[in-house]
Amino acid sequence: MQAAIKQAVRDKTAITATSNFTFNNSATQGRKFVSERSKIMLRAYNAEAENCVKTVKAGNLAAASARLFKASEQIARQGQMIALRVTDHYHRLRLRELELAADVHQKVQEEKEAERARREELREQRKAEQELAVLTGHVGQS
């Protein structure tokens, strides 16, 4: 997943923007402006995506996905003048990464619960064995 995300950034398919923007009546300055703005917006989107991945838990995947969607929408609004937006493909990659992180947290939580149940069962078993030992000790003395 990380490789696909990095490849999209390298291939410049993570974000799209207009290519015929002029700045101060200069196409070169316009391209530079679009390029710099694209990098800044992609960095902001990636920061939000990484933050979502770090904070996602099994139960809050929908909220994290909504945050990432809002970040994408906000970038589209901010970059409206130069038709700048996060591509759907890149957004789907980031959402998939988020889902995988939530799945990992879910599995870890399930393993913790299973371990907790196993320890509880062992405790109950030891308690029953102790009670049985006490009872058989009393029966043997009579």
N, C-alpha and C. Protein backbone atom coordinates (compact mmCIF):
# COMPACT_ATOMS: atom_id res chain seq x y z
N MET A 1 0.83 -1.19 0.00
CA MET A 1 0.00 0.00 0.00
C MET A 1 0.88 1.25 0.00
N GLN A 2 1.88 1.26 0.88
CA GLN A 2 2.78 2.41 0.94
C GLN A 2 3.50 2.63 -0.39
N ALA A 3 3.87 1.54 -1.04
CA ALA A 3 4.57 1.65 -2.33
C ALA A 3 3.67 2.28 -3.38
N ALA A 4 2.40 1.90 -3.39
CA ALA A 4 1.46 2.47 -4.37
C ALA A 4 1.25 3.96 -4.11
N ILE A 5 1.20 4.34 -2.86
CA ILE A 5 1.03 5.75 -2.50
C ILE A 5 2.25 6.55 -2.94
N LYS A 6 3.44 6.02 -2.62
CA LYS A 6 4.67 6.72 -3.01
C LYS A 6 4.79 6.81 -4.53
N GLN A 7 4.39 5.75 -5.22
CA GLN A 7 4.47 5.75 -6.68
C GLN A 7 3.55 6.80 -7.28
N ALA A 8 2.37 6.94 -6.71
CA ALA A 8 1.42 7.96 -7.20
C ALA A 8 2.00 9.36 -7.02
N VAL A 9 2.68 9.59 -5.92
CA VAL A 9 3.30 10.90 -5.68
C VAL A 9 4.43 11.11 -6.68
N ARG A 10 5.27 10.07 -6.87
CA ARG A 10 6.38 10.18 -7.81
C ARG A 10 5.91 10.42 -9.23
N ASP A 11 4.83 9.73 -9.61
CA ASP A 11 4.30 9.86 -10.97
C ASP A 11 3.48 11.13 -11.16
N LYS A 12 3.33 11.89 -10.09
CA LYS A 12 2.53 13.12 -10.10
C LYS A 12 1.06 12.85 -10.48
N THR A 13 0.56 11.70 -10.01
CA THR A 13 -0.85 11.37 -10.23
C THR A 13 -1.67 11.51 -8.95
N ALA A 14 -1.05 12.01 -7.89
CA ALA A 14 -1.76 12.16 -6.62
C ALA A 14 -2.64 13.40 -6.62
N ILE A 15 -2.24 14.39 -7.38
CA ILE A 15 -2.95 15.66 -7.38
C ILE A 15 -2.97 16.20 -8.80
N THR A 16 -4.07 16.83 -9.18
CA THR A 16 -4.15 17.41 -10.52
C THR A 16 -4.39 18.91 -10.40
N ALA A 17 -3.93 19.62 -11.42
CA ALA A 17 -4.13 21.07 -11.47
C ALA A 17 -4.03 21.51 -12.93
N THR A 18 -4.47 22.71 -13.19
CA THR A 18 -4.43 23.24 -14.55
C THR A 18 -2.97 23.39 -15.00
N SER A 19 -2.76 23.30 -16.29
CA SER A 19 -1.40 23.45 -16.81
C SER A 19 -1.22 24.75 -17.59
N ASN A 20 -2.30 25.48 -17.81
CA ASN A 20 -2.19 26.72 -18.59
C ASN A 20 -2.56 27.95 -17.76
N PHE A 21 -1.93 28.05 -16.61
CA PHE A 21 -2.16 29.18 -15.71
C PHE A 21 -1.03 30.19 -15.91
N THR A 22 -1.37 31.45 -16.01
CA THR A 22 -0.33 32.48 -16.12
C THR A 22 -0.32 33.31 -14.86
N PHE A 23 0.87 33.71 -14.47
CA PHE A 23 1.06 34.51 -13.26
C PHE A 23 1.93 35.69 -13.66
N ASN A 24 1.46 36.90 -13.42
CA ASN A 24 2.16 38.11 -13.86
C ASN A 24 2.46 38.07 -15.36
N ASN A 25 1.47 37.61 -16.12
CA ASN A 25 1.59 37.48 -17.58
C ASN A 25 2.74 36.57 -18.00
N SER A 26 3.08 35.61 -17.18
CA SER A 26 4.17 34.68 -17.50
C SER A 26 3.69 33.25 -17.30
N ALA A 27 3.77 32.46 -18.37
CA ALA A 27 3.37 31.05 -18.29
C ALA A 27 4.34 30.28 -17.41
N THR A 28 5.62 30.63 -17.44
CA THR A 28 6.62 29.96 -16.62
C THR A 28 6.35 30.18 -15.14
N GLN A 29 6.08 31.42 -14.78
CA GLN A 29 5.75 31.71 -13.38
C GLN A 29 4.45 31.04 -12.99
N GLY A 30 3.52 30.94 -13.93
CA GLY A 30 2.25 30.27 -13.66
C GLY A 30 2.46 28.80 -13.37
N ARG A 31 3.30 28.12 -14.19
CA ARG A 31 3.59 26.70 -13.96
C ARG A 31 4.28 26.51 -12.60
N LYS A 32 5.20 27.42 -12.29
CA LYS A 32 5.91 27.34 -11.01
C LYS A 32 4.94 27.52 -9.84
N PHE A 33 4.04 28.49 -9.97
CA PHE A 33 3.03 28.74 -8.94
C PHE A 33 2.16 27.50 -8.74
N VAL A 34 1.69 26.91 -9.84
CA VAL A 34 0.83 25.71 -9.76
C VAL A 34 1.61 24.56 -9.13
N SER A 35 2.85 24.38 -9.53
CA SER A 35 3.67 23.30 -8.99
C SER A 35 3.89 23.47 -7.49
N GLU A 36 4.24 24.67 -7.07
CA GLU A 36 4.47 24.91 -5.64
C GLU A 36 3.19 24.75 -4.83
N ARG A 37 2.11 25.27 -5.35
CA ARG A 37 0.81 25.17 -4.67
C ARG A 37 0.38 23.70 -4.56
N SER A 38 0.63 22.94 -5.62
CA SER A 38 0.30 21.51 -5.62
C SER A 38 1.07 20.77 -4.54
N LYS A 39 2.35 21.06 -4.43
CA LYS A 39 3.18 20.40 -3.41
C LYS A 39 2.69 20.73 -2.01
N ILE A 40 2.36 21.99 -1.79
CA ILE A 40 1.87 22.40 -0.46
C ILE A 40 0.56 21.69 -0.12
N MET A 41 -0.35 21.66 -1.07
CA MET A 41 -1.65 21.03 -0.83
C MET A 41 -1.51 19.52 -0.65
N LEU A 42 -0.63 18.91 -1.43
CA LEU A 42 -0.41 17.47 -1.27
C LEU A 42 0.20 17.18 0.10
N ARG A 43 1.10 18.02 0.52
CA ARG A 43 1.71 17.85 1.84
C ARG A 43 0.64 17.97 2.94
N ALA A 44 -0.25 18.93 2.80
CA ALA A 44 -1.33 19.10 3.79
C ALA A 44 -2.25 17.88 3.80
N TYR A 45 -2.60 17.40 2.61
CA TYR A 45 -3.48 16.23 2.53
C TYR A 45 -2.79 15.01 3.14
N ASN A 46 -1.52 14.81 2.81
CA ASN A 46 -0.79 13.66 3.35
C ASN A 46 -0.64 13.75 4.86
N ALA A 47 -0.45 14.96 5.38
CA ALA A 47 -0.35 15.13 6.83
C ALA A 47 -1.67 14.73 7.49
N GLU A 48 -2.77 15.14 6.90
CA GLU A 48 -4.09 14.77 7.45
C GLU A 48 -4.30 13.26 7.35
N ALA A 49 -3.89 12.67 6.22
CA ALA A 49 -4.04 11.23 6.03
C ALA A 49 -3.20 10.46 7.06
N GLU A 50 -1.96 10.87 7.26
CA GLU A 50 -1.11 10.21 8.24
C GLU A 50 -1.67 10.35 9.66
N ASN A 51 -2.19 11.52 9.96
CA ASN A 51 -2.80 11.75 11.26
C ASN A 51 -4.02 10.83 11.45
N CYS A 52 -4.81 10.69 10.41
CA CYS A 52 -5.97 9.80 10.47
C CYS A 52 -5.53 8.36 10.69
N VAL A 53 -4.49 7.92 9.98
CA VAL A 53 -4.00 6.55 10.12
C VAL A 53 -3.49 6.31 11.54
N LYS A 54 -2.79 7.29 12.10
CA LYS A 54 -2.26 7.14 13.45
C LYS A 54 -3.35 7.06 14.50
N THR A 55 -4.43 7.82 14.30
CA THR A 55 -5.45 7.92 15.34
C THR A 55 -6.64 7.00 15.12
N VAL A 56 -6.71 6.32 13.98
CA VAL A 56 -7.88 5.48 13.71
C VAL A 56 -7.89 4.28 14.66
N LYS A 57 -9.05 3.97 15.12
CA LYS A 57 -9.28 2.78 15.93
C LYS A 57 -10.36 1.97 15.23
N ALA A 58 -10.62 0.80 15.73
CA ALA A 58 -11.59 -0.07 15.09
C ALA A 58 -12.97 0.58 15.02
N GLY A 59 -13.31 1.38 16.01
CA GLY A 59 -14.66 1.94 16.07
C GLY A 59 -14.85 3.29 15.42
N ASN A 60 -13.76 3.96 15.04
CA ASN A 60 -13.94 5.31 14.50
C ASN A 60 -13.47 5.45 13.05
N LEU A 61 -13.55 4.38 12.29
CA LEU A 61 -13.14 4.40 10.89
C LEU A 61 -13.98 5.38 10.08
N ALA A 62 -15.27 5.41 10.33
CA ALA A 62 -16.16 6.31 9.57
C ALA A 62 -15.79 7.77 9.81
N ALA A 63 -15.49 8.11 11.05
CA ALA A 63 -15.12 9.50 11.36
C ALA A 63 -13.79 9.86 10.71
N ALA A 64 -12.84 8.94 10.73
CA ALA A 64 -11.53 9.21 10.11
C ALA A 64 -11.68 9.35 8.60
N SER A 65 -12.51 8.51 8.00
CA SER A 65 -12.76 8.60 6.55
C SER A 65 -13.40 9.93 6.21
N ALA A 66 -14.33 10.36 7.04
CA ALA A 66 -14.99 11.64 6.81
C ALA A 66 -13.99 12.79 6.91
N ARG A 67 -13.08 12.71 7.87
CA ARG A 67 -12.04 13.75 8.00
C ARG A 67 -11.17 13.83 6.75
N LEU A 68 -10.82 12.66 6.22
CA LEU A 68 -9.99 12.63 5.02
C LEU A 68 -10.75 13.17 3.82
N PHE A 69 -12.03 12.85 3.74
CA PHE A 69 -12.86 13.37 2.65
C PHE A 69 -12.97 14.90 2.75
N LYS A 70 -13.16 15.40 3.97
CA LYS A 70 -13.24 16.86 4.17
C LYS A 70 -11.93 17.54 3.78
N ALA A 71 -10.81 16.90 4.08
CA ALA A 71 -9.51 17.47 3.71
C ALA A 71 -9.40 17.55 2.19
N SER A 72 -9.86 16.51 1.51
CA SER A 72 -9.84 16.50 0.05
C SER A 72 -10.73 17.61 -0.52
N GLU A 73 -11.91 17.75 0.06
CA GLU A 73 -12.83 18.81 -0.39
C GLU A 73 -12.24 20.20 -0.14
N GLN A 74 -11.62 20.37 1.01
CA GLN A 74 -11.05 21.67 1.35
C GLN A 74 -9.91 22.03 0.39
N ILE A 75 -9.10 21.06 0.02
CA ILE A 75 -8.03 21.31 -0.95
C ILE A 75 -8.62 21.70 -2.29
N ALA A 76 -9.71 21.04 -2.68
CA ALA A 76 -10.37 21.40 -3.94
C ALA A 76 -10.91 22.83 -3.89
N ARG A 77 -11.47 23.22 -2.74
CA ARG A 77 -11.97 24.59 -2.60
C ARG A 77 -10.83 25.61 -2.63
N GLN A 78 -9.77 25.31 -1.88
CA GLN A 78 -8.63 26.23 -1.81
C GLN A 78 -7.92 26.36 -3.16
N GLY A 79 -7.90 25.28 -3.93
CA GLY A 79 -7.20 25.29 -5.21
C GLY A 79 -8.11 25.50 -6.39
N GLN A 80 -9.31 25.98 -6.14
CA GLN A 80 -10.32 26.14 -7.19
C GLN A 80 -9.82 27.02 -8.34
N MET A 81 -9.07 28.05 -8.04
CA MET A 81 -8.60 29.00 -9.05
C MET A 81 -7.69 28.32 -10.08
N ILE A 82 -6.95 27.29 -9.65
CA ILE A 82 -6.06 26.60 -10.59
C ILE A 82 -6.51 25.15 -10.82
N ALA A 83 -7.77 24.86 -10.52
CA ALA A 83 -8.37 23.53 -10.72
C ALA A 83 -7.56 22.45 -10.01
N LEU A 84 -7.06 22.75 -8.83
CA LEU A 84 -6.23 21.83 -8.07
C LEU A 84 -7.12 20.95 -7.20
N ARG A 85 -6.86 19.65 -7.24
CA ARG A 85 -7.61 18.72 -6.40
C ARG A 85 -6.83 17.42 -6.25
N VAL A 86 -7.15 16.67 -5.20
CA VAL A 86 -6.58 15.34 -4.99
C VAL A 86 -7.31 14.39 -5.93
N THR A 87 -6.57 13.54 -6.63
CA THR A 87 -7.22 12.63 -7.58
C THR A 87 -8.02 11.57 -6.82
N ASP A 88 -9.06 11.08 -7.46
CA ASP A 88 -9.89 10.04 -6.85
C ASP A 88 -9.08 8.78 -6.56
N HIS A 89 -8.19 8.43 -7.49
CA HIS A 89 -7.35 7.24 -7.32
C HIS A 89 -6.50 7.37 -6.06
N TYR A 90 -5.86 8.51 -5.87
CA TYR A 90 -5.00 8.72 -4.70
C TYR A 90 -5.83 8.74 -3.42
N HIS A 91 -6.99 9.37 -3.49
CA HIS A 91 -7.87 9.41 -2.31
C HIS A 91 -8.31 7.99 -1.93
N ARG A 92 -8.63 7.17 -2.93
CA ARG A 92 -9.02 5.78 -2.65
C ARG A 92 -7.86 5.00 -2.04
N LEU A 93 -6.63 5.24 -2.52
CA LEU A 93 -5.46 4.58 -1.92
C LEU A 93 -5.33 4.94 -0.44
N ARG A 94 -5.49 6.21 -0.14
CA ARG A 94 -5.37 6.66 1.25
C ARG A 94 -6.50 6.10 2.11
N LEU A 95 -7.71 6.02 1.55
CA LEU A 95 -8.83 5.43 2.29
C LEU A 95 -8.57 3.95 2.56
N ARG A 96 -8.00 3.26 1.58
CA ARG A 96 -7.69 1.84 1.76
C ARG A 96 -6.65 1.66 2.87
N GLU A 97 -5.66 2.55 2.88
CA GLU A 97 -4.65 2.51 3.93
C GLU A 97 -5.30 2.70 5.30
N LEU A 98 -6.25 3.59 5.36
CA LEU A 98 -6.99 3.86 6.60
C LEU A 98 -7.77 2.62 7.04
N GLU A 99 -8.43 1.96 6.09
CA GLU A 99 -9.19 0.75 6.39
C GLU A 99 -8.27 -0.35 6.91
N LEU A 100 -7.11 -0.50 6.28
CA LEU A 100 -6.16 -1.52 6.72
C LEU A 100 -5.67 -1.24 8.14
N ALA A 101 -5.41 0.01 8.44
CA ALA A 101 -4.97 0.38 9.79
C ALA A 101 -6.07 0.06 10.81
N ALA A 102 -7.32 0.35 10.45
CA ALA A 102 -8.44 0.04 11.35
C ALA A 102 -8.58 -1.47 11.54
N ASP A 103 -8.37 -2.23 10.46
CA ASP A 103 -8.43 -3.70 10.56
C ASP A 103 -7.36 -4.23 11.51
N VAL A 104 -6.16 -3.67 11.41
CA VAL A 104 -5.08 -4.09 12.30
C VAL A 104 -5.46 -3.82 13.75
N HIS A 105 -5.99 -2.63 14.00
CA HIS A 105 -6.42 -2.29 15.37
C HIS A 105 -7.52 -3.24 15.84
N GLN A 106 -8.44 -3.59 14.95
CA GLN A 106 -9.52 -4.51 15.29
C GLN A 106 -8.96 -5.88 15.67
N LYS A 107 -8.01 -6.37 14.88
CA LYS A 107 -7.41 -7.69 15.15
C LYS A 107 -6.66 -7.67 16.48
N VAL A 108 -5.92 -6.61 16.74
CA VAL A 108 -5.19 -6.49 18.00
C VAL A 108 -6.16 -6.48 19.17
N GLN A 109 -7.26 -5.74 19.02
CA GLN A 109 -8.27 -5.69 20.07
C GLN A 109 -8.88 -7.07 20.32
N GLU A 110 -9.17 -7.79 19.23
CA GLU A 110 -9.73 -9.14 19.37
C GLU A 110 -8.75 -10.07 20.06
N GLU A 111 -7.46 -9.96 19.71
CA GLU A 111 -6.44 -10.79 20.35
C GLU A 111 -6.34 -10.48 21.84
N LYS A 112 -6.40 -9.21 22.19
CA LYS A 112 -6.35 -8.82 23.60
C LYS A 112 -7.54 -9.40 24.36
N GLU A 113 -8.72 -9.32 23.75
CA GLU A 113 -9.92 -9.85 24.40
C GLU A 113 -9.84 -11.36 24.55
N ALA A 114 -9.31 -12.05 23.53
CA ALA A 114 -9.16 -13.50 23.60
C ALA A 114 -8.16 -13.88 24.70
N GLU A 115 -7.07 -13.14 24.79
CA GLU A 115 -6.07 -13.39 25.83
C GLU A 115 -6.66 -13.13 27.22
N ARG A 116 -7.45 -12.08 27.34
CA ARG A 116 -8.10 -11.76 28.61
C ARG A 116 -9.06 -12.89 29.01
N ALA A 117 -9.83 -13.39 28.04
CA ALA A 117 -10.76 -14.48 28.32
C ALA A 117 -10.01 -15.76 28.71
N ARG A 118 -8.89 -16.01 28.04
CA ARG A 118 -8.09 -17.20 28.35
C ARG A 118 -7.54 -17.12 29.77
N ARG A 119 -7.03 -15.93 30.15
CA ARG A 119 -6.51 -15.76 31.51
C ARG A 119 -7.63 -15.92 32.55
N GLU A 120 -8.79 -15.39 32.25
CA GLU A 120 -9.94 -15.52 33.16
C GLU A 120 -10.32 -16.99 33.32
N GLU A 121 -10.29 -17.72 32.22
CA GLU A 121 -10.63 -19.15 32.27
C GLU A 121 -9.59 -19.91 33.11
N LEU A 122 -8.32 -19.58 32.94
CA LEU A 122 -7.28 -20.22 33.74
C LEU A 122 -7.45 -19.90 35.23
N ARG A 123 -7.81 -18.66 35.52
CA ARG A 123 -8.06 -18.27 36.92
C ARG A 123 -9.21 -19.10 37.50
N GLU A 124 -10.28 -19.21 36.75
CA GLU A 124 -11.44 -20.00 37.20
C GLU A 124 -11.05 -21.46 37.40
N GLN A 125 -10.24 -21.98 36.49
CA GLN A 125 -9.83 -23.37 36.58
C GLN A 125 -8.97 -23.60 37.83
N ARG A 126 -8.03 -22.69 38.10
CA ARG A 126 -7.19 -22.81 39.30
C ARG A 126 -8.05 -22.72 40.57
N LYS A 127 -9.01 -21.82 40.54
CA LYS A 127 -9.89 -21.65 41.69
C LYS A 127 -10.69 -22.94 41.93
N ALA A 128 -11.19 -23.53 40.85
CA ALA A 128 -11.96 -24.78 40.97
C ALA A 128 -11.07 -25.90 41.49
N GLU A 129 -9.82 -25.96 41.00
CA GLU A 129 -8.89 -27.00 41.46
C GLU A 129 -8.57 -26.83 42.95
N GLN A 130 -8.42 -25.58 43.39
CA GLN A 130 -8.15 -25.33 44.80
C GLN A 130 -9.34 -25.74 45.66
N GLU A 131 -10.54 -25.41 45.19
CA GLU A 131 -11.75 -25.79 45.93
C GLU A 131 -11.88 -27.30 45.99
N LEU A 132 -11.56 -27.96 44.88
CA LEU A 132 -11.63 -29.42 44.84
C LEU A 132 -10.60 -30.02 45.79
N ALA A 133 -9.41 -29.44 45.82
CA ALA A 133 -8.36 -29.94 46.72
C ALA A 133 -8.79 -29.78 48.18
N VAL A 134 -9.42 -28.66 48.49
CA VAL A 134 -9.89 -28.42 49.85
C VAL A 134 -10.97 -29.44 50.20
N LEU A 135 -11.90 -29.67 49.27
CA LEU A 135 -12.99 -30.62 49.53
C LEU A 135 -12.46 -32.04 49.67
N THR A 136 -11.56 -32.45 48.80
CA THR A 136 -11.03 -33.82 48.90
C THR A 136 -10.16 -33.97 50.14
N GLY A 137 -9.52 -32.90 50.56
CA GLY A 137 -8.72 -32.94 51.80
C GLY A 137 -9.61 -33.15 53.00
N HIS A 138 -10.80 -32.50 53.02
CA HIS A 138 -11.73 -32.66 54.13
C HIS A 138 -12.37 -34.04 54.11
N VAL A 139 -12.67 -34.56 52.93
CA VAL A 139 -13.30 -35.87 52.82
C VAL A 139 -12.33 -36.95 53.27
N GLY A 140 -11.06 -36.81 52.91
CA GLY A 140 -10.05 -37.80 53.27
C GLY A 140 -9.81 -37.85 54.78
N GLN A 141 -10.02 -36.75 55.50
CA GLN A 141 -9.78 -36.70 56.93
C GLN A 141 -10.93 -37.32 57.72
N SER A 142 -12.11 -37.38 57.16
CA SER A 142 -13.26 -37.88 57.90
C SER A 142 -13.24 -39.33 58.14
